[in-house]
Amino acid sequence: MGARHKSREAALAILYQADLLKEENAGGLSAGYFATDEAEGADQKFAESLVYGVKRNLAEIDEKLGSALKNWEVGRLGYMERAILRMGVFEILFDRTTPDAVAIDEAVKLAKSFCDADSPPLINATLDRISKEKQQEP
């Protein structure tokens, strides 16, 4: 498993916990996570760029998610699915270093590891829709 994938797992754990605890300041959660053995192999700088990027752009990310989800609402998503989707949307819309296809593939891999069997297709379809919308923008 590559360092960037491991970093995404770290960011996912932090975003999941922040959402679950309604924690606005993810700094303490990040420090706590990176003090554990779970963080071994993760690039803390990349993981934190994902966490803080999602937190900084949360309103816009959730707005995009809300319009891309078909017959579903962001608030009804499970905590893990919501964290994966938010991170994927951040990478697609705001992170210039990650190709959209890689962001989508990584989000689906995370869903396969941490969610039930219904989640990967939902995450794939939603992020694919957002990526295609981005490509059609002038």
Protein backbone atom coordinates (compact mmCIF):
# COMPACT_ATOMS: atom_id res chain seq x y z
CA MET A 1 0.00 0.00 0.00
CA GLY A 2 1.42 3.35 -1.05
CA ALA A 3 2.09 6.31 1.20
CA ARG A 4 -0.61 8.45 -0.47
CA HIS A 5 -3.24 5.74 0.02
CA LYS A 6 -2.17 5.37 3.65
CA SER A 7 -2.36 9.16 3.98
CA ARG A 8 -5.91 9.12 2.60
CA GLU A 9 -6.81 6.50 5.20
CA ALA A 10 -5.39 8.81 7.88
CA ALA A 11 -7.32 11.79 6.53
CA LEU A 12 -10.47 9.67 6.37
CA ALA A 13 -10.09 8.63 10.01
CA ILE A 14 -9.63 12.26 11.08
CA LEU A 15 -12.55 13.56 8.97
CA TYR A 16 -14.80 10.74 10.18
CA GLN A 17 -13.99 11.49 13.81
CA ALA A 18 -14.39 15.25 13.33
CA ASP A 19 -17.83 14.78 11.78
CA LEU A 20 -18.94 12.24 14.38
CA LEU A 21 -17.82 14.46 17.28
CA LYS A 22 -18.93 17.70 15.57
CA GLU A 23 -15.36 18.90 16.06
CA GLU A 24 -14.51 22.09 14.17
CA ASN A 25 -10.80 22.07 15.02
CA ALA A 26 -9.27 19.02 13.38
CA GLY A 27 -5.76 19.92 14.56
CA GLY A 28 -6.07 18.06 17.84
CA LEU A 29 -7.60 15.04 16.12
CA SER A 30 -4.77 15.01 13.60
CA ALA A 31 -2.10 15.23 16.29
CA GLY A 32 -3.77 12.40 18.19
CA TYR A 33 -3.99 10.21 15.11
CA PHE A 34 -0.39 10.75 14.09
CA ALA A 35 0.74 9.83 17.60
CA THR A 36 -0.60 6.28 17.09
CA ASP A 37 0.75 3.22 15.27
CA GLU A 38 -2.15 3.53 12.81
CA ALA A 39 -0.32 6.44 11.16
CA GLU A 40 2.71 4.35 10.21
CA GLY A 41 3.49 4.80 6.52
CA ALA A 42 1.24 7.86 6.10
CA ASP A 43 2.52 11.22 4.92
CA GLN A 44 1.24 13.57 7.61
CA LYS A 45 1.61 16.66 5.42
CA PHE A 46 -0.52 15.18 2.61
CA ALA A 47 -3.13 13.81 5.03
CA GLU A 48 -3.46 17.16 6.77
CA SER A 49 -3.72 18.98 3.43
CA LEU A 50 -6.75 16.80 2.70
CA VAL A 51 -8.30 17.31 6.14
CA TYR A 52 -7.80 21.07 6.22
CA GLY A 53 -8.79 21.41 2.58
CA VAL A 54 -12.09 19.66 3.24
CA LYS A 55 -12.72 21.70 6.38
CA ARG A 56 -11.86 24.99 4.64
CA ASN A 57 -14.14 24.27 1.66
CA LEU A 58 -16.86 22.32 3.45
CA ALA A 59 -19.80 24.51 2.44
CA GLU A 60 -18.91 24.37 -1.26
CA ILE A 61 -18.12 20.66 -1.09
CA ASP A 62 -21.46 19.85 0.56
CA GLU A 63 -23.28 22.04 -1.96
CA LYS A 64 -21.67 20.10 -4.83
CA LEU A 65 -22.45 16.82 -3.13
CA GLY A 66 -26.06 17.85 -2.55
CA SER A 67 -26.58 18.56 -6.24
CA ALA A 68 -24.72 15.43 -7.39
CA LEU A 69 -26.44 12.90 -5.13
CA LYS A 70 -29.47 11.43 -6.85
CA ASN A 71 -32.49 11.04 -4.55
CA TRP A 72 -30.28 11.43 -1.50
CA GLU A 73 -29.19 14.16 0.93
CA VAL A 74 -25.73 14.79 2.35
CA GLY A 75 -27.10 14.69 5.91
CA ARG A 76 -28.55 11.21 5.36
CA LEU A 77 -25.22 9.69 4.35
CA GLY A 78 -23.34 7.56 6.84
CA TYR A 79 -20.42 9.28 8.53
CA MET A 80 -17.85 7.17 6.66
CA GLU A 81 -19.49 7.63 3.25
CA ARG A 82 -19.81 11.37 3.85
CA ALA A 83 -16.13 11.66 4.82
CA ILE A 84 -15.01 9.67 1.76
CA LEU A 85 -17.18 11.74 -0.57
CA ARG A 86 -16.05 15.04 0.93
CA MET A 87 -12.42 14.06 0.53
CA GLY A 88 -13.03 12.91 -3.06
CA VAL A 89 -14.84 16.12 -3.96
CA PHE A 90 -12.01 18.15 -2.43
CA GLU A 91 -9.44 16.31 -4.54
CA ILE A 92 -11.51 16.70 -7.72
CA LEU A 93 -12.36 20.37 -7.30
CA PHE A 94 -9.47 21.87 -5.34
CA ASP A 95 -6.38 19.63 -5.42
CA ARG A 96 -4.46 20.22 -8.65
CA THR A 97 -1.97 17.43 -7.91
CA THR A 98 -4.41 14.51 -8.11
CA PRO A 99 -6.05 13.49 -11.40
CA ASP A 100 -9.82 13.08 -11.09
CA ALA A 101 -9.65 9.39 -12.03
CA VAL A 102 -7.16 8.74 -9.22
CA ALA A 103 -9.30 10.62 -6.68
CA ILE A 104 -12.35 8.57 -7.69
CA ASP A 105 -10.45 5.27 -7.66
CA GLU A 106 -8.97 5.99 -4.23
CA ALA A 107 -12.39 6.95 -2.83
CA VAL A 108 -13.90 3.70 -4.14
CA LYS A 109 -11.02 1.70 -2.60
CA LEU A 110 -11.64 3.39 0.75
CA ALA A 111 -15.35 2.62 0.49
CA LYS A 112 -14.61 -1.04 -0.27
CA SER A 113 -12.41 -1.20 2.83
CA PHE A 114 -14.52 0.76 5.30
CA CYS A 115 -18.16 0.72 4.13
CA ASP A 116 -20.82 -1.81 3.20
CA ALA A 117 -21.26 -3.22 -0.31
CA ASP A 118 -23.77 -0.54 -1.39
CA SER A 119 -21.36 2.33 -0.81
CA PRO A 120 -18.68 1.92 -3.52
CA PRO A 121 -21.15 2.25 -6.44
CA LEU A 122 -22.77 5.32 -4.83
CA ILE A 123 -19.39 6.95 -4.24
CA ASN A 124 -18.16 6.10 -7.74
CA ALA A 125 -21.28 7.46 -9.45
CA THR A 126 -21.40 10.64 -7.36
CA LEU A 127 -17.73 11.54 -7.81
CA ASP A 128 -17.85 10.65 -11.50
CA ARG A 129 -20.82 13.01 -11.93
CA ILE A 130 -18.92 15.83 -10.18
CA SER A 131 -15.81 15.21 -12.28
CA LYS A 132 -17.81 15.31 -15.51
CA GLU A 133 -19.56 18.53 -14.44
CA LYS A 134 -16.16 20.10 -13.71
CA GLN A 135 -14.88 19.13 -17.16
CA GLN A 136 -17.89 20.80 -18.82
CA GLU A 137 -17.35 24.12 -17.05
CA PRO A 138 -15.79 26.82 -19.25
